[in-house]
C-alpha atoms as a PDB file:
ATOM      1  CA  MET A   1     102.399   2.246 -33.664  1.00  0.00           C
ATOM      2  CA  SER A   2     103.656   3.109 -36.861  1.00  0.00           C
ATOM      3  CA  ALA A   3     107.248   2.778 -37.831  1.00  0.00           C
ATOM      4  CA  ARG A   4     107.675   6.194 -37.728  1.00  0.00           C
ATOM      5  CA  GLY A   5     106.598   6.492 -34.243  1.00  0.00           C
ATOM      6  CA  GLY A   6     109.244   3.936 -33.001  1.00  0.00           C
ATOM      7  CA  ALA A   7     112.025   6.097 -34.693  1.00  0.00           C
ATOM      8  CA  ARG A   8     111.607   8.979 -32.290  1.00  0.00           C
ATOM      9  CA  PRO A   9     112.557   7.622 -29.154  1.00  0.00           C
ATOM     10  CA  GLN A  10     115.660   6.723 -30.725  1.00  0.00           C
ATOM     11  CA  ALA A  11     116.640   9.959 -32.254  1.00  0.00           C
ATOM     12  CA  SER A  12     115.791  11.394 -28.725  1.00  0.00           C
ATOM     13  CA  SER A  13     118.343   8.552 -26.935  1.00  0.00           C
ATOM     14  CA  ARG A  14     120.683  10.045 -29.619  1.00  0.00           C
ATOM     15  CA  LYS A  15     120.232  13.622 -28.510  1.00  0.00           C
ATOM     16  CA  THR A  16     120.506  12.518 -25.237  1.00  0.00           C
ATOM     17  CA  ASN A  17     123.655  10.696 -25.934  1.00  0.00           C
ATOM     18  CA  SER A  18     125.215  13.479 -27.806  1.00  0.00           C
ATOM     19  CA  ARG A  19     124.864  15.142 -24.760  1.00  0.00           C
ATOM     20  CA  ALA A  20     126.063  13.390 -22.310  1.00  0.00           C
ATOM     21  CA  ALA A  21     129.480  12.898 -24.663  1.00  0.00           C
ATOM     22  CA  LYS A  22     129.771  16.698 -24.556  1.00  0.00           C
ATOM     23  CA  LEU A  23     129.583  16.767 -21.018  1.00  0.00           C
ATOM     24  CA  PHE A  24     131.513  13.643 -20.393  1.00  0.00           C
ATOM     25  CA  THR A  25     134.284  15.113 -22.902  1.00  0.00           C
ATOM     26  CA  ARG A  26     135.045  18.513 -20.678  1.00  0.00           C
ATOM     27  CA  ILE A  27     135.486  16.551 -17.283  1.00  0.00           C
ATOM     28  CA  PRO A  28     139.007  15.784 -18.371  1.00  0.00           C
ATOM     29  CA  LEU A  29     139.797  19.716 -19.447  1.00  0.00           C
ATOM     30  CA  LEU A  30     138.010  20.767 -15.933  1.00  0.00           C
ATOM     31  CA  ALA A  31     139.648  18.711 -13.605  1.00  0.00           C
ATOM     32  CA  PHE A  32     143.149  19.738 -15.306  1.00  0.00           C
ATOM     33  CA  THR A  33     141.914  22.940 -15.343  1.00  0.00           C
ATOM     34  CA  VAL A  34     141.280  22.838 -11.507  1.00  0.00           C
ATOM     35  CA  VAL A  35     144.658  21.339 -10.961  1.00  0.00           C
ATOM     36  CA  LEU A  36     146.885  23.402 -12.124  1.00  0.00           C
ATOM     37  CA  THR A  37     145.241  26.856 -10.645  1.00  0.00           C
ATOM     38  CA  MET A  38     145.373  25.041  -7.440  1.00  0.00           C
ATOM     39  CA  ILE A  39     149.201  24.179  -7.959  1.00  0.00           C
ATOM     40  CA  ALA A  40     149.725  27.733  -9.134  1.00  0.00           C
ATOM     41  CA  LEU A  41     148.151  29.362  -6.282  1.00  0.00           C
ATOM     42  CA  ARG A  42     149.673  27.845  -3.748  1.00  0.00           C
ATOM     43  CA  TYR A  43     153.065  28.372  -5.517  1.00  0.00           C
ATOM     44  CA  MET A  44     151.932  31.908  -6.045  1.00  0.00           C
ATOM     45  CA  ALA A  45     150.484  32.572  -2.251  1.00  0.00           C
ATOM     46  CA  ASN A  46     153.969  31.178  -0.429  1.00  0.00           C
ATOM     47  CA  PRO A  47     156.494  29.965  -2.762  1.00  0.00           C
ATOM     48  CA  VAL A  48     159.128  29.325  -0.173  1.00  0.00           C
ATOM     49  CA  HIS A  49     156.402  27.307   2.074  1.00  0.00           C
ATOM     50  CA  ALA A  50     154.827  25.267  -0.813  1.00  0.00           C
ATOM     51  CA  GLY A  51     158.602  24.799  -2.369  1.00  0.00           C
ATOM     52  CA  ALA A  52     159.762  23.507   1.723  1.00  0.00           C
ATOM     53  CA  GLU A  53     156.805  21.212   1.400  1.00  0.00           C
ATOM     54  CA  ALA A  54     157.811  19.343  -1.954  1.00  0.00           C
ATOM     55  CA  GLY A  55     161.833  19.392  -0.680  1.00  0.00           C
ATOM     56  CA  ILE A  56     162.715  22.798  -2.365  1.00  0.00           C
ATOM     57  CA  ALA A  57     165.115  25.374  -1.129  1.00  0.00           C
ATOM     58  CA  PHE A  58     165.715  29.026  -2.185  1.00  0.00           C
ATOM     59  CA  THR A  59     168.833  30.369  -1.235  1.00  0.00           C
ATOM     60  CA  SER A  60     167.565  33.803  -2.974  1.00  0.00           C
ATOM     61  CA  PRO A  61     165.473  36.037  -4.527  1.00  0.00           C
ATOM     62  CA  GLY A  62     166.014  35.213  -7.735  1.00  0.00           C
ATOM     63  CA  GLY A  63     165.083  31.445  -7.331  1.00  0.00           C
ATOM     64  CA  ILE A  64     162.239  32.591  -5.738  1.00  0.00           C
ATOM     65  CA  THR A  65     160.904  34.222  -9.114  1.00  0.00           C
ATOM     66  CA  VAL A  66     162.287  31.409 -10.819  1.00  0.00           C
ATOM     67  CA  ALA A  67     159.993  29.003  -9.404  1.00  0.00           C
ATOM     68  CA  LEU A  68     157.004  31.351  -9.503  1.00  0.00           C
ATOM     69  CA  VAL A  69     157.538  31.479 -13.127  1.00  0.00           C
ATOM     70  CA  GLY A  70     158.215  27.581 -13.791  1.00  0.00           C
ATOM     71  CA  LEU A  71     155.735  26.099 -11.048  1.00  0.00           C
ATOM     72  CA  ALA A  72     153.094  29.097 -10.858  1.00  0.00           C
ATOM     73  CA  GLY A  73     153.035  30.720 -14.050  1.00  0.00           C
ATOM     74  CA  PHE A  74     153.452  28.056 -16.128  1.00  0.00           C
ATOM     75  CA  PRO A  75     150.339  26.021 -14.574  1.00  0.00           C
ATOM     76  CA  LEU A  76     148.574  29.027 -14.524  1.00  0.00           C
ATOM     77  CA  ALA A  77     148.910  29.812 -18.427  1.00  0.00           C
ATOM     78  CA  PHE A  78     148.382  26.121 -18.752  1.00  0.00           C
ATOM     79  CA  ALA A  79     145.093  26.352 -16.620  1.00  0.00           C
ATOM     80  CA  ALA A  80     144.175  29.253 -18.802  1.00  0.00           C
ATOM     81  CA  PHE A  81     144.144  27.408 -21.906  1.00  0.00           C
ATOM     82  CA  PHE A  82     142.428  24.424 -21.140  1.00  0.00           C
ATOM     83  CA  ALA A  83     139.505  26.845 -19.757  1.00  0.00           C
ATOM     84  CA  GLU A  84     139.450  28.253 -23.119  1.00  0.00           C
ATOM     85  CA  CYS A  85     139.109  24.979 -24.693  1.00  0.00           C
ATOM     86  CA  LEU A  86     136.989  23.923 -22.285  1.00  0.00           C
ATOM     87  CA  PHE A  87     134.249  26.778 -23.256  1.00  0.00           C
ATOM     88  CA  SER A  88     135.030  26.766 -26.908  1.00  0.00           C
ATOM     89  CA  GLU A  89     132.964  24.071 -28.676  1.00  0.00           C
ATOM     90  CA  ARG A  90     135.867  23.903 -31.775  1.00  0.00           C
ATOM     91  CA  ARG A  91     138.459  23.340 -29.096  1.00  0.00           C
ATOM     92  CA  ILE A  92     137.601  20.455 -26.935  1.00  0.00           C
ATOM     93  CA  LEU A  93     139.317  17.616 -28.685  1.00  0.00           C
ATOM     94  CA  PHE A  94     142.306  19.719 -29.263  1.00  0.00           C
ATOM     95  CA  GLY A  95     142.433  20.609 -25.596  1.00  0.00           C
ATOM     96  CA  LEU A  96     142.254  16.723 -24.855  1.00  0.00           C
ATOM     97  CA  ARG A  97     145.102  15.978 -26.799  1.00  0.00           C
ATOM     98  CA  ILE A  98     147.278  18.827 -25.460  1.00  0.00           C
ATOM     99  CA  GLU A  99     146.442  17.532 -21.933  1.00  0.00           C
ATOM    100  CA  LEU A 100     147.065  13.899 -22.848  1.00  0.00           C
ATOM    101  CA  MET A 101     150.259  15.275 -24.028  1.00  0.00           C
ATOM    102  CA  LEU A 102     151.352  16.875 -21.185  1.00  0.00           C
ATOM    103  CA  LEU A 103     149.972  14.034 -18.939  1.00  0.00           C
ATOM    104  CA  GLY A 104     152.388  12.052 -20.699  1.00  0.00           C
ATOM    105  CA  ILE A 105     155.892  14.291 -20.919  1.00  0.00           C
ATOM    106  CA  VAL A 106     154.836  14.943 -17.150  1.00  0.00           C
ATOM    107  CA  MET A 107     155.218  10.820 -16.367  1.00  0.00           C
ATOM    108  CA  GLY A 108     157.785  10.418 -18.416  1.00  0.00           C
ATOM    109  CA  ILE A 109     159.661  13.303 -16.356  1.00  0.00           C
ATOM    110  CA  ARG A 110     158.279  11.812 -13.458  1.00  0.00           C
ATOM    111  CA  LEU A 111     159.952   8.302 -14.061  1.00  0.00           C
ATOM    112  CA  LEU A 112     162.929   9.719 -15.552  1.00  0.00           C
ATOM    113  CA  GLY A 113     163.676  11.512 -12.409  1.00  0.00           C
ATOM    114  CA  MET A 114     162.969   8.698 -10.399  1.00  0.00           C
ATOM    115  CA  LEU A 115     165.267   6.706 -12.139  1.00  0.00           C
ATOM    116  CA  LEU A 116     168.359   9.263 -12.187  1.00  0.00           C
ATOM    117  CA  THR A 117     167.493   9.966  -8.078  1.00  0.00           C
ATOM    118  CA  HIS A 118     166.833   6.320  -7.230  1.00  0.00           C
ATOM    119  CA  SER A 119     163.873   7.990  -5.548  1.00  0.00           C
ATOM    120  CA  ALA A 120     160.063   6.673  -5.116  1.00  0.00           C
ATOM    121  CA  GLU A 121     159.132   9.670  -3.305  1.00  0.00           C
ATOM    122  CA  THR A 122     156.636  11.000  -6.030  1.00  0.00           C
ATOM    123  CA  ALA A 123     155.548   7.464  -7.437  1.00  0.00           C
ATOM    124  CA  ARG A 124     152.542   8.010  -5.749  1.00  0.00           C
ATOM    125  CA  LEU A 125     151.223  11.056  -8.472  1.00  0.00           C
ATOM    126  CA  PHE A 126     151.511   8.069 -11.472  1.00  0.00           C
ATOM    127  CA  ILE A 127     147.998   6.840  -9.570  1.00  0.00           C
ATOM    128  CA  PRO A 128     146.133  10.286 -10.250  1.00  0.00           C
ATOM    129  CA  GLU A 129     148.180  11.064 -13.554  1.00  0.00           C
ATOM    130  CA  THR A 130     147.273   7.436 -14.997  1.00  0.00           C
ATOM    131  CA  ALA A 131     143.669   7.657 -14.227  1.00  0.00           C
ATOM    132  CA  MET A 132     143.731  11.712 -15.658  1.00  0.00           C
ATOM    133  CA  ALA A 133     145.498  10.005 -19.227  1.00  0.00           C
ATOM    134  CA  LEU A 134     142.656   7.443 -19.266  1.00  0.00           C
ATOM    135  CA  LEU A 135     139.493   9.707 -18.752  1.00  0.00           C
ATOM    136  CA  CYS A 136     141.382  11.644 -21.656  1.00  0.00           C
ATOM    137  CA  ILE A 137     141.634   8.610 -23.858  1.00  0.00           C
ATOM    138  CA  PHE A 138     138.203   8.120 -23.175  1.00  0.00           C
ATOM    139  CA  ALA A 139     136.987  11.407 -23.927  1.00  0.00           C
ATOM    140  CA  ILE A 140     138.968  11.857 -26.753  1.00  0.00           C
ATOM    141  CA  ARG A 141     137.310   8.673 -28.317  1.00  0.00           C
ATOM    142  CA  LEU A 142     133.924   9.969 -27.080  1.00  0.00           C
ATOM    143  CA  GLU A 143     134.774  13.443 -28.979  1.00  0.00           C
ATOM    144  CA  ILE A 144     135.896  12.031 -31.930  1.00  0.00           C
ATOM    145  CA  ARG A 145     132.682   9.219 -32.500  1.00  0.00           C
ATOM    146  CA  ARG A 146     130.552  12.492 -31.810  1.00  0.00           C
ATOM    147  CA  ILE A 147     132.276  14.299 -34.163  1.00  0.00           C
ATOM    148  CA  LYS A 148     132.013  11.989 -36.519  1.00  0.00           C
ATOM    149  CA  ARG A 149     128.414  11.463 -35.590  1.00  0.00           C
ATOM    150  CA  GLU A 150     127.459  15.014 -36.501  1.00  0.00           C
ATOM    151  CA  ARG A 151     128.868  15.109 -39.849  1.00  0.00           C
ATOM    152  CA  VAL A 152     126.982  12.358 -41.079  1.00  0.00           C
ATOM    153  CA  GLN A 153     124.017  14.132 -39.580  1.00  0.00           C
ATOM    154  CA  SER A 154     124.455  17.114 -40.959  1.00  0.00           C
ATOM    155  CA  VAL A 155     125.193  16.002 -44.511  1.00  0.00           C
ATOM    156  CA  ALA A 156     122.189  13.449 -44.075  1.00  0.00           C
END
């Protein structure tokens, strides 16, 4: 077998790795899009009931509207943003970085809230948030490597 014949499986392996990286980097964006959509839909469907499950009591129609904007509108807007990044080759890395930033802010605010209220009621949410953040970091590193590899290949 010639040296040239031995190079083909390696090139094929790189293409497979690149495809796997392209697929894997979208997983955090897809997961976050789904989670944010579910949160938004829960509050849009019945804000009073969803709020009550979280320990929130609304005392006026204006309060319900504020909850709809904050607990349904913002998550739905972010879900739309992450969905757009999910389907745009150029915006995957940007979307992953914004997702990581958003997760970091949410986790920081959760920790601050727990400290200020002396309550650990929502501490269990640190587990999925941390898992998503770690998955995001890994996906960011994969995407950066994939982009660098594609730049080197296009120059060569």
